[in-house]
Amino acid sequence: MFMAKAQEKQLSLSSVIDESLPELIEGDAIRLTQILINLVGNAIKFTTKGSVIIAITNERTNENIIKTGITISDTGIGIENEKFKYIFERFQQAEDAVTPKIWGNRIGTFNSK
């Protein structure tokens, strides 16, 4: 879904999935897809060179419950730490104006059960 845009911008787009995770996991696929589309889309949008990496880890397995960690990391402009508490609220953006600012590299993490 994102490969064409990443290639157009000459970005490396890769994923790393923990091999200990089962092939199928039951959860809110629609909401998770929305979140991933938003985070990966923004990572590509605000990264001018370098890479975007999607990493899925097995944080904990307890009988039939698996906690995964999903990390989107990029070499883009980043998000200021004080903006993180707002970015998962409905219809919020980390920055009001979409003008590039250099904040240094940041890594955004979304953990889901």
Foldseek 3Di string as FASTA:
>chain_A
DCVVLCVVLVAAEEEAEPPVDDPDDDDDVVVVVVVVCVVVVVQSVQANYYYWYWYKAFPDDDPNDTKIKIKIFHFGQDADPVLLVPPPDPPDDRDPDPDDDRPGGDIDIDIDD
